[in-house]
Amino acid sequence: MSESGPSQRRPSVNAAEGLASDEDAAVLAKLGYKQELRRNFTMIEVFGIAFSIMGLLPSIASTLAYSIPAGPVGMVWGWFAASAFIFVVGLAMADLGSAMPTSGGLYWWTHFFASPKTRNPLSFLVGYSNTLGLVGGLCSIDYGFSLMFLSVIVIARDGEWEPSNGVIYAVFLGCVLCHGVLASCLSKIMGKLQTVFVVMNFVLIFATIIALPIGRGSQRNSAAFIFTETANLTAWPSGWTFMLAWLSPIWTIGAFDSCVHMSEEAANATKAVPYGILMSIGSCWLFGFILVIVIAACMTPDYTSIMGSVYGQPMAQIYYDALGKRGTLGMMSLLFIVQFLMGLSITVAASRQSWAFSRDGALPFSGFFRRISKRFGYIPLRAIWGCVFLAAVLGLLSLIDPAAAQALFSLAVAGNNVAWATPILCRVVWGQHKFKPGPFYTGRFSVPIAWLAVAFLAFGIVLCMFPVGGPNPDAQTMNYTVVINSAVWGGALLYYFVDARKWFQGPKITLAEGDLTEHQEEILKEEGLDVKIDGIAPIVSRDEENNADGKKVKSGHFNPQ
């Protein structure tokens, strides 16, 4: 958008290139960043990318191994209870996302709210945990796609073929590379595609809700079975088996931070981000609850036959029992298509977090990855392919052992839980006096909500590290999540204290001289900021350097105090 008139004494780079409205660019400038990405996403499309990544039914299908051992009660009430707590986490994040919407929001908020002594190491830890957590999520989704895709072949061959680890990885690699190509070439319509992805998700949801009860006919289970029947297929006590069933919704409803990472591409981000977070969680809470009720009503009471299905997927067995071979092939095909769309959406979200972290100089080769491609539509092209390459390398663990691969992919839960909990905790412990609410705010309930969110996220970290089968695992059934995640967190902190503490000072300023129009400056003044011609006041330790376009930039860091 561009403006003309006597009140504007110089053109805005953002307006001239059509990247953002003055209001959105000014909100971002308040955080120290110039607008570099084009704001293609509406509020509904921001919701769409989170809902698409969650991929409700494919994710439920991929995580039935956590909930079925606790029986229908674990599936149904475990889903409802855990989703309620996840919604509380969403409320806490929505408060922050509305107040300070930026692609690197989680580590930015951590740095802003933490104490002077802890802000740099904690921000560094959160940035790495979130970045690797998102890439781990990409690995997990695409690995799940490869298993679903290959299960269709197994069904077609009547269970007489079993894919090797090499075949699974080959399909995984092809999927990851396709996501890299599509995320690079479809940037101009990526926002609109999210609406298509949401529609595809609901087509699959309603097809399942309708087809399964019809297919099972008179064999459907009773209400007493659905809502009161318990089971325990593990060596844990029944109560803890029920808690482990919470891992299904925790894994599924785990992509709402993607709304934060897309905030610099969202129009009216201060409202789009919080509502995207809450709409995606709320939709999964409701429709997921309906789905698990339908699945519990239509599955065979013989849980072991479902868990040990020759088709390699419990959901494939449930479909087969209700719909037969042809119906199962159709539903599983639709299932892996939606799973593929999930992977594309998380590739986009992961690349934005990686780009934001490299913009602040924290990732290796940051100068290379932080560049924006104008030719491909103002997107972080190099960051996209950096995520693709890392996912392809990490996926090699699937060649070793499924248990090792599963532990790596758990970064999507444990890694992101640390990244979500830390800024919320920093705000209520050190920075509540600095918190200025945005258009969305939970008011007097904000602090209690934040504490409850932190407690649940801490519980989720512990929960995902337990061996699912029982307290005495062997090498095949051991949960290596604690090993993988401890290596990530310990490695990030070791890297910081050995080397990065010498140069990492938190989020950088990227505003160039003359980036702000007079109208944008007026908006910032209304926020109480002393705006100058060459930047904004909360910049310290300034020294000039050239940015990628050759402009003089006032570089430095915010002083949150």
Protein backbone atom coordinates (compact mmCIF):
# COMPACT_ATOMS: atom_id res chain seq x y z
CA MET A 1 0.00 0.00 0.00
CA SER A 2 1.18 3.52 -0.63
CA GLU A 3 0.05 6.85 0.62
CA SER A 4 0.47 10.34 -0.76
CA GLY A 5 0.06 13.81 0.70
CA PRO A 6 1.95 16.48 2.58
CA SER A 7 2.08 14.45 5.81
CA GLN A 8 4.41 11.87 4.26
CA ARG A 9 7.88 13.24 3.72
CA ARG A 10 9.45 10.06 2.27
CA PRO A 11 8.25 6.80 0.71
CA SER A 12 7.95 3.62 2.71
CA VAL A 13 9.88 0.61 1.45
CA ASN A 14 7.13 -1.63 2.81
CA ALA A 15 4.34 0.33 1.18
CA ALA A 16 6.14 0.69 -2.13
CA GLU A 17 6.67 -3.03 -2.44
CA GLY A 18 3.17 -3.84 -1.25
CA LEU A 19 4.45 -6.00 1.60
CA ALA A 20 2.24 -4.71 4.40
CA SER A 21 -0.06 -1.97 5.61
CA ASP A 22 1.49 0.91 7.53
CA GLU A 23 -0.17 -0.34 10.71
CA ASP A 24 1.26 -3.86 10.44
CA ALA A 25 4.70 -2.54 9.48
CA ALA A 26 4.62 -0.17 12.47
CA VAL A 27 3.72 -2.98 14.89
CA LEU A 28 6.72 -4.92 13.61
CA ALA A 29 8.93 -1.82 13.76
CA LYS A 30 8.03 -1.48 17.42
CA LEU A 31 9.76 -4.84 17.89
CA GLY A 32 12.82 -3.62 15.99
CA TYR A 33 12.29 -5.34 12.63
CA LYS A 34 11.62 -4.01 9.16
CA GLN A 35 8.98 -5.70 7.04
CA GLU A 36 10.70 -8.19 4.73
CA LEU A 37 7.99 -10.79 4.04
CA ARG A 38 4.77 -10.12 2.16
CA ARG A 39 1.62 -10.31 4.30
CA ASN A 40 -0.37 -12.81 2.22
CA PHE A 41 -2.26 -14.52 5.08
CA THR A 42 -5.70 -13.48 6.31
CA MET A 43 -7.00 -14.37 9.77
CA ILE A 44 -8.73 -17.49 8.43
CA GLU A 45 -5.59 -18.54 6.57
CA VAL A 46 -3.47 -18.15 9.72
CA PHE A 47 -5.94 -20.48 11.43
CA GLY A 48 -5.73 -22.72 8.38
CA ILE A 49 -1.97 -23.30 8.56
CA ALA A 50 -2.17 -24.34 12.21
CA PHE A 51 -5.21 -26.55 11.66
CA SER A 52 -3.61 -28.06 8.57
CA ILE A 53 -0.41 -28.93 10.45
CA MET A 54 -2.45 -30.51 13.23
CA GLY A 55 -4.12 -32.70 10.55
CA LEU A 56 -6.68 -33.93 13.02
CA LEU A 57 -7.61 -37.38 11.73
CA PRO A 58 -4.17 -38.37 10.35
CA SER A 59 -2.62 -37.36 13.67
CA ILE A 60 -5.19 -39.30 15.67
CA ALA A 61 -4.55 -42.29 13.40
CA SER A 62 -0.78 -41.98 13.93
CA THR A 63 -1.13 -41.85 17.73
CA LEU A 64 -3.77 -44.50 18.44
CA ALA A 65 -0.97 -46.66 19.85
CA TYR A 66 -0.90 -44.26 22.84
CA SER A 67 -4.65 -44.18 23.51
CA ILE A 68 -5.97 -47.67 22.66
CA PRO A 69 -3.98 -49.38 25.50
CA ALA A 70 -6.13 -47.40 27.97
CA GLY A 71 -9.35 -48.49 26.29
CA PRO A 72 -12.23 -46.24 25.19
CA VAL A 73 -12.05 -44.20 28.39
CA GLY A 74 -8.45 -43.28 27.62
CA MET A 75 -9.32 -42.43 24.03
CA VAL A 76 -12.40 -40.35 24.75
CA TRP A 77 -11.91 -38.72 28.14
CA GLY A 78 -8.13 -38.55 27.77
CA TRP A 79 -8.69 -36.52 24.60
CA PHE A 80 -11.19 -34.18 26.25
CA ALA A 81 -9.12 -33.54 29.38
CA ALA A 82 -5.77 -33.00 27.64
CA SER A 83 -7.37 -30.76 24.98
CA ALA A 84 -8.80 -28.55 27.72
CA PHE A 85 -5.32 -28.00 29.16
CA ILE A 86 -3.88 -27.39 25.69
CA PHE A 87 -6.52 -24.68 25.19
CA VAL A 88 -5.24 -23.03 28.38
CA VAL A 89 -1.73 -23.04 26.88
CA GLY A 90 -3.21 -21.47 23.75
CA LEU A 91 -4.78 -18.69 25.81
CA ALA A 92 -1.43 -17.89 27.42
CA MET A 93 0.31 -17.82 24.03
CA ALA A 94 -2.49 -15.79 22.47
CA ASP A 95 -1.94 -13.07 25.07
CA LEU A 96 1.71 -12.82 24.01
CA GLY A 97 1.06 -13.25 20.29
CA SER A 98 -1.44 -10.41 20.24
CA ALA A 99 0.89 -8.07 22.14
CA MET A 100 4.12 -8.83 20.23
CA PRO A 101 3.57 -10.61 16.89
CA THR A 102 6.87 -11.56 15.25
CA SER A 103 8.05 -14.72 13.45
CA GLY A 104 10.60 -15.47 16.16
CA GLY A 105 8.10 -14.68 18.88
CA LEU A 106 8.97 -17.41 21.37
CA TYR A 107 12.66 -16.54 21.78
CA TRP A 108 11.91 -12.81 21.33
CA TRP A 109 9.42 -12.87 24.21
CA THR A 110 11.87 -14.87 26.32
CA HIS A 111 14.59 -12.27 25.79
CA PHE A 112 12.21 -9.40 26.50
CA PHE A 113 10.74 -10.77 29.72
CA ALA A 114 13.66 -12.68 31.29
CA SER A 115 16.03 -11.18 33.84
CA PRO A 116 19.21 -9.46 32.58
CA LYS A 117 21.40 -12.41 33.60
CA THR A 118 19.22 -15.11 32.05
CA ARG A 119 17.76 -13.45 28.95
CA ASN A 120 20.53 -14.33 26.50
CA PRO A 121 21.03 -18.02 27.39
CA LEU A 122 17.30 -18.65 27.77
CA SER A 123 16.50 -16.93 24.48
CA PHE A 124 19.23 -18.97 22.78
CA LEU A 125 17.88 -22.20 24.28
CA VAL A 126 14.29 -21.45 23.28
CA GLY A 127 15.29 -20.53 19.73
CA TYR A 128 17.15 -23.80 19.20
CA SER A 129 14.53 -25.90 20.97
CA ASN A 130 11.75 -24.38 18.87
CA THR A 131 13.66 -24.59 15.58
CA LEU A 132 14.64 -28.22 16.06
CA GLY A 133 11.20 -29.01 17.47
CA LEU A 134 9.56 -27.79 14.27
CA VAL A 135 12.01 -29.72 12.09
CA GLY A 136 11.36 -32.75 14.31
CA GLY A 137 7.65 -32.19 13.67
CA LEU A 138 8.32 -32.18 9.92
CA CYS A 139 10.21 -35.46 10.28
CA SER A 140 7.41 -36.97 12.36
CA ILE A 141 4.67 -35.95 9.92
CA ASP A 142 6.53 -37.10 6.81
CA TYR A 143 7.58 -40.36 8.48
CA GLY A 144 3.90 -40.89 9.34
CA PHE A 145 3.03 -40.16 5.70
CA SER A 146 5.47 -42.81 4.49
CA LEU A 147 3.95 -45.41 6.84
CA MET A 148 0.39 -44.53 5.74
CA PHE A 149 1.33 -44.52 2.07
CA LEU A 150 3.02 -47.89 2.34
CA SER A 151 0.16 -49.33 4.40
CA VAL A 152 -2.07 -48.84 1.34
CA ILE A 153 0.30 -51.06 -0.64
CA VAL A 154 0.29 -53.62 2.17
CA ILE A 155 -3.53 -53.64 2.18
CA ALA A 156 -3.64 -53.95 -1.59
CA ARG A 157 -1.37 -57.01 -1.31
CA ASP A 158 -3.50 -58.51 1.49
CA GLY A 159 -0.76 -58.12 4.10
CA GLU A 160 1.70 -60.31 2.20
CA TRP A 161 4.37 -57.61 1.87
CA GLU A 162 6.26 -55.67 4.51
CA PRO A 163 8.31 -52.55 3.65
CA SER A 164 11.92 -52.44 4.79
CA ASN A 165 13.41 -49.50 6.67
CA GLY A 166 15.16 -48.48 3.44
CA VAL A 167 11.88 -48.33 1.53
CA ILE A 168 10.28 -46.31 4.35
CA TYR A 169 13.15 -43.81 4.25
CA ALA A 170 13.01 -43.55 0.45
CA VAL A 171 9.33 -42.57 0.59
CA PHE A 172 10.09 -40.19 3.49
CA LEU A 173 12.89 -38.52 1.53
CA GLY A 174 10.75 -38.11 -1.57
CA CYS A 175 8.01 -36.55 0.55
CA VAL A 176 10.41 -34.07 2.23
CA LEU A 177 11.88 -33.01 -1.12
CA CYS A 178 8.40 -32.49 -2.60
CA HIS A 179 7.54 -30.25 0.32
CA GLY A 180 10.66 -28.18 -0.31
CA VAL A 181 9.74 -27.69 -3.97
CA LEU A 182 6.10 -26.83 -3.25
CA ALA A 183 6.92 -24.47 -0.35
CA SER A 184 9.33 -22.66 -2.69
CA CYS A 185 7.12 -22.40 -5.78
CA LEU A 186 3.65 -21.85 -4.31
CA SER A 187 4.44 -18.96 -1.98
CA LYS A 188 2.08 -16.50 -3.67
CA ILE A 189 -0.93 -18.76 -3.12
CA MET A 190 0.22 -20.54 0.04
CA GLY A 191 -2.25 -18.59 2.18
CA LYS A 192 -5.19 -19.50 -0.06
CA LEU A 193 -4.03 -23.11 -0.17
CA GLN A 194 -4.51 -23.33 3.59
CA THR A 195 -8.25 -22.91 3.05
CA VAL A 196 -8.13 -25.84 0.60
CA PHE A 197 -6.18 -27.87 3.16
CA VAL A 198 -8.78 -27.13 5.86
CA VAL A 199 -11.57 -28.26 3.51
CA MET A 200 -9.66 -31.48 2.77
CA ASN A 201 -9.31 -32.12 6.50
CA PHE A 202 -13.03 -31.70 7.06
CA VAL A 203 -13.88 -33.91 4.06
CA LEU A 204 -11.83 -36.69 5.66
CA ILE A 205 -13.34 -36.05 9.11
CA PHE A 206 -16.95 -36.16 7.92
CA ALA A 207 -16.29 -39.11 5.60
CA THR A 208 -15.00 -41.07 8.59
CA ILE A 209 -17.81 -39.96 10.90
CA ILE A 210 -20.37 -41.13 8.32
CA ALA A 211 -18.66 -44.22 6.86
CA LEU A 212 -17.52 -46.02 10.02
CA PRO A 213 -20.96 -46.20 11.74
CA ILE A 214 -22.60 -47.28 8.48
CA GLY A 215 -19.95 -49.93 7.87
CA ARG A 216 -20.19 -51.40 11.35
CA GLY A 217 -24.01 -51.43 11.29
CA SER A 218 -25.34 -53.55 14.15
CA GLN A 219 -21.80 -54.26 15.42
CA ARG A 220 -21.39 -50.79 16.94
CA ASN A 221 -20.41 -50.65 20.60
CA SER A 222 -22.72 -49.37 23.32
CA ALA A 223 -22.54 -45.98 25.04
CA ALA A 224 -21.41 -47.72 28.22
CA PHE A 225 -18.48 -49.23 26.32
CA ILE A 226 -17.53 -45.90 24.74
CA PHE A 227 -17.63 -43.76 27.88
CA THR A 228 -16.90 -46.16 30.75
CA GLU A 229 -14.90 -49.14 29.42
CA THR A 230 -11.30 -49.18 30.64
CA ALA A 231 -8.37 -51.36 29.63
CA ASN A 232 -4.68 -51.67 30.33
CA LEU A 233 -2.42 -53.20 27.69
CA THR A 234 0.74 -51.93 29.42
CA ALA A 235 2.74 -52.94 32.48
CA TRP A 236 2.01 -49.55 34.07
CA PRO A 237 -0.80 -49.08 36.63
CA SER A 238 -4.15 -48.34 34.95
CA GLY A 239 -4.13 -44.73 36.15
CA TRP A 240 -0.81 -44.01 34.49
CA THR A 241 -1.89 -45.83 31.31
CA PHE A 242 -4.79 -43.37 31.18
CA MET A 243 -2.36 -40.45 31.52
CA LEU A 244 -0.20 -41.86 28.70
CA ALA A 245 -3.32 -41.74 26.49
CA TRP A 246 -3.02 -37.94 26.76
CA LEU A 247 -0.03 -38.19 24.44
CA SER A 248 -2.42 -38.58 21.50
CA PRO A 249 -3.95 -35.08 21.82
CA ILE A 250 -0.61 -33.64 22.97
CA TRP A 251 1.01 -34.88 19.75
CA THR A 252 -1.97 -33.88 17.61
CA ILE A 253 -2.78 -30.38 18.90
CA GLY A 254 0.81 -29.22 18.85
CA ALA A 255 1.23 -26.79 15.98
CA PHE A 256 -0.56 -23.69 17.21
CA ASP A 257 2.74 -21.81 17.54
CA SER A 258 2.83 -21.82 13.72
CA CYS A 259 0.43 -18.86 13.94
CA VAL A 260 3.20 -16.96 15.73
CA HIS A 261 5.79 -17.91 13.13
CA MET A 262 3.50 -16.71 10.33
CA SER A 263 2.75 -13.39 12.08
CA GLU A 264 5.01 -11.34 9.80
CA GLU A 265 3.01 -12.64 6.83
CA ALA A 266 -0.39 -12.08 8.46
CA ALA A 267 -2.54 -9.02 7.83
CA ASN A 268 -3.74 -7.47 11.10
CA ALA A 269 -1.41 -9.79 12.98
CA THR A 270 -2.32 -8.57 16.48
CA LYS A 271 -5.75 -10.16 15.99
CA ALA A 272 -5.01 -12.86 13.42
CA VAL A 273 -2.36 -14.60 15.56
CA PRO A 274 -4.39 -15.07 18.79
CA TYR A 275 -7.56 -16.06 16.99
CA GLY A 276 -5.64 -18.46 14.76
CA ILE A 277 -4.20 -20.11 17.86
CA LEU A 278 -7.51 -20.46 19.67
CA MET A 279 -9.61 -21.39 16.63
CA SER A 280 -7.22 -24.21 15.68
CA ILE A 281 -7.05 -25.65 19.19
CA GLY A 282 -10.79 -25.27 19.75
CA SER A 283 -11.64 -26.94 16.44
CA CYS A 284 -9.37 -29.90 17.19
CA TRP A 285 -10.75 -30.18 20.71
CA LEU A 286 -14.36 -30.38 19.45
CA PHE A 287 -13.99 -32.43 16.27
CA GLY A 288 -11.32 -34.65 17.79
CA PHE A 289 -13.70 -35.49 20.63
CA ILE A 290 -16.39 -36.44 18.11
CA LEU A 291 -13.91 -38.53 16.11
CA VAL A 292 -12.60 -40.56 19.05
CA ILE A 293 -16.20 -41.26 20.12
CA VAL A 294 -16.98 -42.57 16.63
CA ILE A 295 -13.77 -44.63 16.55
CA ALA A 296 -14.53 -46.09 20.00
CA ALA A 297 -18.07 -46.90 18.86
CA CYS A 298 -16.94 -48.68 15.69
CA MET A 299 -13.72 -50.48 16.62
CA THR A 300 -13.61 -54.13 17.63
CA PRO A 301 -13.36 -54.73 21.40
CA ASP A 302 -10.33 -56.92 20.68
CA TYR A 303 -7.71 -54.21 21.25
CA THR A 304 -4.73 -56.49 20.66
CA SER A 305 -5.88 -57.30 17.12
CA ILE A 306 -5.99 -53.58 16.35
CA MET A 307 -2.60 -52.88 17.91
CA GLY A 308 -0.99 -55.87 16.14
CA SER A 309 -2.59 -55.25 12.76
CA VAL A 310 -0.81 -56.80 9.79
CA TYR A 311 -1.41 -53.54 7.94
CA GLY A 312 0.98 -51.67 10.23
CA GLN A 313 -1.55 -49.03 11.28
CA PRO A 314 -4.30 -49.43 13.93
CA MET A 315 -6.54 -47.03 11.99
CA ALA A 316 -6.13 -49.14 8.85
CA GLN A 317 -7.42 -52.15 10.79
CA ILE A 318 -10.39 -50.17 12.13
CA TYR A 319 -11.27 -49.05 8.59
CA TYR A 320 -10.82 -52.61 7.27
CA ASP A 321 -13.12 -54.10 9.90
CA ALA A 322 -15.83 -51.58 9.00
CA LEU A 323 -15.41 -50.95 5.27
CA GLY A 324 -13.58 -53.93 3.83
CA LYS A 325 -10.61 -53.81 1.51
CA ARG A 326 -11.84 -51.32 -1.09
CA GLY A 327 -13.28 -48.91 1.45
CA THR A 328 -10.06 -49.06 3.46
CA LEU A 329 -7.93 -48.33 0.40
CA GLY A 330 -10.05 -45.27 -0.34
CA MET A 331 -10.02 -43.89 3.21
CA MET A 332 -6.32 -44.57 3.77
CA SER A 333 -5.50 -42.90 0.46
CA LEU A 334 -7.39 -39.79 1.54
CA LEU A 335 -5.66 -40.06 4.90
CA PHE A 336 -2.12 -39.98 3.50
CA ILE A 337 -3.04 -37.12 1.13
CA VAL A 338 -4.11 -34.99 4.10
CA GLN A 339 -0.95 -36.10 5.94
CA PHE A 340 1.09 -34.86 2.97
CA LEU A 341 -0.62 -31.46 3.19
CA MET A 342 0.25 -31.34 6.90
CA GLY A 343 3.92 -31.74 6.01
CA LEU A 344 3.79 -28.89 3.49
CA SER A 345 2.29 -26.51 6.04
CA ILE A 346 4.82 -27.35 8.75
CA THR A 347 7.66 -26.93 6.22
CA VAL A 348 6.46 -23.34 5.74
CA ALA A 349 6.16 -22.69 9.50
CA ALA A 350 9.55 -24.25 10.33
CA SER A 351 11.28 -22.19 7.66
CA ARG A 352 9.88 -18.95 9.11
CA GLN A 353 11.15 -19.73 12.60
CA SER A 354 14.54 -20.75 11.18
CA TRP A 355 14.68 -17.57 9.12
CA ALA A 356 13.78 -15.40 12.10
CA PHE A 357 16.46 -17.05 14.24
CA SER A 358 19.06 -16.61 11.50
CA ARG A 359 17.96 -12.97 11.10
CA ASP A 360 19.15 -12.52 14.66
CA GLY A 361 22.42 -14.28 13.85
CA ALA A 362 21.92 -17.30 16.11
CA LEU A 363 22.03 -20.19 13.63
CA PRO A 364 25.16 -21.45 11.89
CA PHE A 365 25.53 -19.76 8.48
CA SER A 366 22.94 -17.16 9.50
CA GLY A 367 24.18 -14.73 6.87
CA PHE A 368 23.32 -17.29 4.22
CA PHE A 369 19.95 -18.45 5.54
CA ARG A 370 18.51 -15.05 6.50
CA ARG A 371 18.31 -13.75 2.91
CA ILE A 372 14.88 -13.27 1.35
CA SER A 373 14.12 -14.32 -2.23
CA LYS A 374 12.16 -11.63 -4.06
CA ARG A 375 12.02 -13.77 -7.22
CA PHE A 376 10.03 -16.48 -5.40
CA GLY A 377 7.68 -14.01 -3.71
CA TYR A 378 9.51 -12.53 -0.69
CA ILE A 379 10.04 -15.83 1.10
CA PRO A 380 13.04 -17.26 3.02
CA LEU A 381 13.93 -19.70 0.24
CA ARG A 382 17.26 -20.72 1.72
CA ALA A 383 15.71 -21.33 5.13
CA ILE A 384 13.11 -23.61 3.49
CA TRP A 385 15.81 -25.78 1.94
CA GLY A 386 17.88 -25.67 5.12
CA CYS A 387 14.94 -27.24 6.97
CA VAL A 388 14.44 -29.79 4.19
CA PHE A 389 18.10 -30.80 4.25
CA LEU A 390 18.15 -31.12 8.06
CA ALA A 391 14.94 -33.20 8.03
CA ALA A 392 16.42 -35.49 5.37
CA VAL A 393 19.54 -36.03 7.50
CA LEU A 394 17.65 -36.57 10.75
CA GLY A 395 15.31 -39.00 9.01
CA LEU A 396 18.26 -41.32 8.43
CA LEU A 397 17.65 -42.52 11.99
CA SER A 398 14.68 -44.47 10.60
CA LEU A 399 17.21 -46.70 8.86
CA ILE A 400 18.69 -47.68 12.21
CA ASP A 401 15.62 -48.45 14.28
CA PRO A 402 12.03 -47.19 14.58
CA ALA A 403 12.59 -46.55 18.30
CA ALA A 404 15.48 -44.19 17.55
CA ALA A 405 13.43 -42.38 14.90
CA GLN A 406 10.49 -42.03 17.28
CA ALA A 407 12.74 -40.48 19.93
CA LEU A 408 14.05 -37.94 17.44
CA PHE A 409 10.58 -37.02 16.29
CA SER A 410 9.60 -36.45 19.93
CA LEU A 411 11.34 -33.10 19.57
CA ALA A 412 7.95 -31.99 18.26
CA VAL A 413 6.56 -32.42 21.79
CA ALA A 414 9.36 -32.04 24.32
CA GLY A 415 11.34 -29.46 22.35
CA ASN A 416 8.33 -27.29 21.61
CA ASN A 417 6.98 -27.60 25.16
CA VAL A 418 10.20 -26.07 26.46
CA ALA A 419 9.96 -23.34 23.81
CA TRP A 420 6.35 -22.57 24.73
CA ALA A 421 6.70 -22.72 28.50
CA THR A 422 9.85 -20.60 28.87
CA PRO A 423 8.54 -17.23 27.60
CA ILE A 424 5.28 -17.69 29.51
CA LEU A 425 7.25 -18.44 32.68
CA CYS A 426 9.62 -15.51 32.12
CA ARG A 427 6.71 -13.16 31.76
CA VAL A 428 5.05 -14.05 35.08
CA VAL A 429 8.32 -14.39 37.04
CA TRP A 430 10.33 -11.40 35.78
CA GLY A 431 8.46 -9.40 33.19
CA GLN A 432 4.82 -8.93 34.14
CA HIS A 433 5.40 -5.22 34.73
CA LYS A 434 6.66 -4.86 31.14
CA PHE A 435 3.75 -6.69 29.54
CA LYS A 436 1.48 -4.40 27.51
CA PRO A 437 -1.58 -6.35 26.25
CA GLY A 438 -2.62 -6.35 22.62
CA PRO A 439 -6.19 -6.39 21.25
CA PHE A 440 -6.66 -9.91 22.61
CA TYR A 441 -6.16 -10.20 26.37
CA THR A 442 -7.52 -12.56 29.02
CA GLY A 443 -7.50 -9.79 31.64
CA ARG A 444 -7.29 -10.65 35.32
CA PHE A 445 -7.17 -14.35 34.45
CA SER A 446 -4.00 -13.90 32.41
CA VAL A 447 -1.48 -14.69 35.16
CA PRO A 448 -3.34 -17.76 36.58
CA ILE A 449 -3.76 -19.03 33.02
CA ALA A 450 -0.03 -18.59 32.43
CA TRP A 451 0.90 -20.56 35.57
CA LEU A 452 -1.50 -23.39 34.68
CA ALA A 453 -0.07 -23.49 31.15
CA VAL A 454 3.50 -23.77 32.45
CA ALA A 455 2.52 -26.57 34.84
CA PHE A 456 0.81 -28.55 32.08
CA LEU A 457 3.70 -28.09 29.64
CA ALA A 458 6.17 -29.30 32.28
CA PHE A 459 3.97 -32.34 32.87
CA GLY A 460 3.83 -32.96 29.10
CA ILE A 461 7.64 -32.98 28.89
CA VAL A 462 7.85 -35.63 31.61
CA LEU A 463 4.97 -37.63 30.14
CA CYS A 464 6.47 -37.95 26.66
CA MET A 465 9.70 -39.37 28.12
CA PHE A 466 8.08 -42.45 29.71
CA PRO A 467 8.37 -45.83 27.96
CA VAL A 468 4.85 -46.50 26.71
CA GLY A 469 4.86 -50.26 27.33
CA GLY A 470 5.97 -50.40 30.94
CA PRO A 471 8.62 -49.61 33.55
CA ASN A 472 11.19 -52.20 32.44
CA PRO A 473 11.88 -51.55 28.74
CA ASP A 474 14.47 -53.32 26.65
CA ALA A 475 16.52 -51.74 23.87
CA GLN A 476 13.60 -52.03 21.42
CA THR A 477 10.89 -50.61 23.70
CA MET A 478 13.00 -47.96 25.44
CA ASN A 479 11.88 -44.35 25.00
CA TYR A 480 15.01 -42.44 23.96
CA THR A 481 13.28 -39.06 24.10
CA VAL A 482 15.18 -38.04 27.21
CA VAL A 483 18.48 -38.78 25.44
CA ILE A 484 17.68 -36.88 22.25
CA ASN A 485 16.14 -33.86 23.93
CA SER A 486 18.78 -33.61 26.65
CA ALA A 487 21.39 -33.62 23.91
CA VAL A 488 19.60 -30.76 22.13
CA TRP A 489 19.09 -28.65 25.26
CA GLY A 490 22.52 -29.42 26.71
CA GLY A 491 24.18 -28.86 23.35
CA ALA A 492 22.46 -25.50 22.86
CA LEU A 493 23.50 -24.27 26.30
CA LEU A 494 27.04 -25.62 25.88
CA TYR A 495 27.30 -23.85 22.53
CA TYR A 496 26.11 -20.64 24.15
CA PHE A 497 28.47 -20.65 27.13
CA VAL A 498 31.50 -21.83 25.16
CA ASP A 499 31.14 -19.53 22.17
CA ALA A 500 27.80 -17.82 21.49
CA ARG A 501 27.87 -15.73 24.69
CA LYS A 502 30.64 -13.72 23.05
CA TRP A 503 28.42 -12.54 20.20
CA PHE A 504 24.76 -13.43 20.81
CA GLN A 505 23.00 -10.52 22.48
CA GLY A 506 19.43 -11.38 21.59
CA PRO A 507 17.15 -10.04 18.84
CA LYS A 508 18.79 -7.54 16.50
CA ILE A 509 17.49 -4.36 14.97
CA THR A 510 16.94 -4.60 11.21
CA LEU A 511 15.29 -1.24 10.56
CA ALA A 512 17.09 0.68 7.83
CA GLU A 513 17.29 4.46 7.64
CA GLY A 514 14.11 5.80 6.11
CA ASP A 515 12.15 2.55 6.43
CA LEU A 516 9.37 4.29 8.34
CA THR A 517 6.85 6.66 6.81
CA GLU A 518 5.68 9.61 8.86
CA HIS A 519 2.38 7.83 9.38
CA GLN A 520 4.21 4.79 10.77
CA GLU A 521 6.23 7.03 13.07
CA GLU A 522 3.01 8.56 14.37
CA ILE A 523 1.67 5.10 15.12
CA LEU A 524 4.85 4.31 17.07
CA LYS A 525 4.62 7.59 18.98
CA GLU A 526 1.13 6.62 20.04
CA GLU A 527 2.77 3.53 21.58
CA GLY A 528 4.97 5.81 23.67
CA LEU A 529 8.17 5.30 21.62
CA ASP A 530 10.50 8.18 20.84
CA VAL A 531 10.82 7.82 17.06
CA LYS A 532 13.82 9.21 15.22
CA ILE A 533 14.43 9.61 11.50
CA ASP A 534 16.88 6.69 11.45
CA GLY A 535 15.10 4.23 13.64
CA ILE A 536 13.37 4.02 17.00
CA ALA A 537 14.62 4.86 20.42
CA PRO A 538 14.90 1.47 22.16
CA ILE A 539 18.13 0.64 20.30
CA VAL A 540 21.45 0.48 22.10
CA SER A 541 25.05 -0.27 21.12
CA ARG A 542 24.50 0.99 17.58
CA ASP A 543 27.04 0.56 14.86
CA GLU A 544 26.46 0.84 11.14
CA GLU A 545 26.72 -2.16 8.90
CA ASN A 546 25.49 -3.07 5.43
CA ASN A 547 22.49 -5.32 5.04
CA ALA A 548 21.86 -7.70 2.17
CA ASP A 549 20.56 -4.88 -0.06
CA GLY A 550 23.53 -2.63 0.59
CA LYS A 551 21.60 -0.12 2.70
CA LYS A 552 23.01 1.38 5.82
CA VAL A 553 21.35 -0.24 8.81
CA LYS A 554 21.43 0.78 12.41
CA SER A 555 22.23 -2.53 13.98
CA GLY A 556 22.03 -3.28 17.65
CA HIS A 557 19.71 -4.85 20.17
CA PHE A 558 16.71 -3.89 22.19
CA ASN A 559 17.34 -2.96 25.78
CA PRO A 560 14.25 -4.41 27.44
CA GLN A 561 14.87 -2.65 30.72
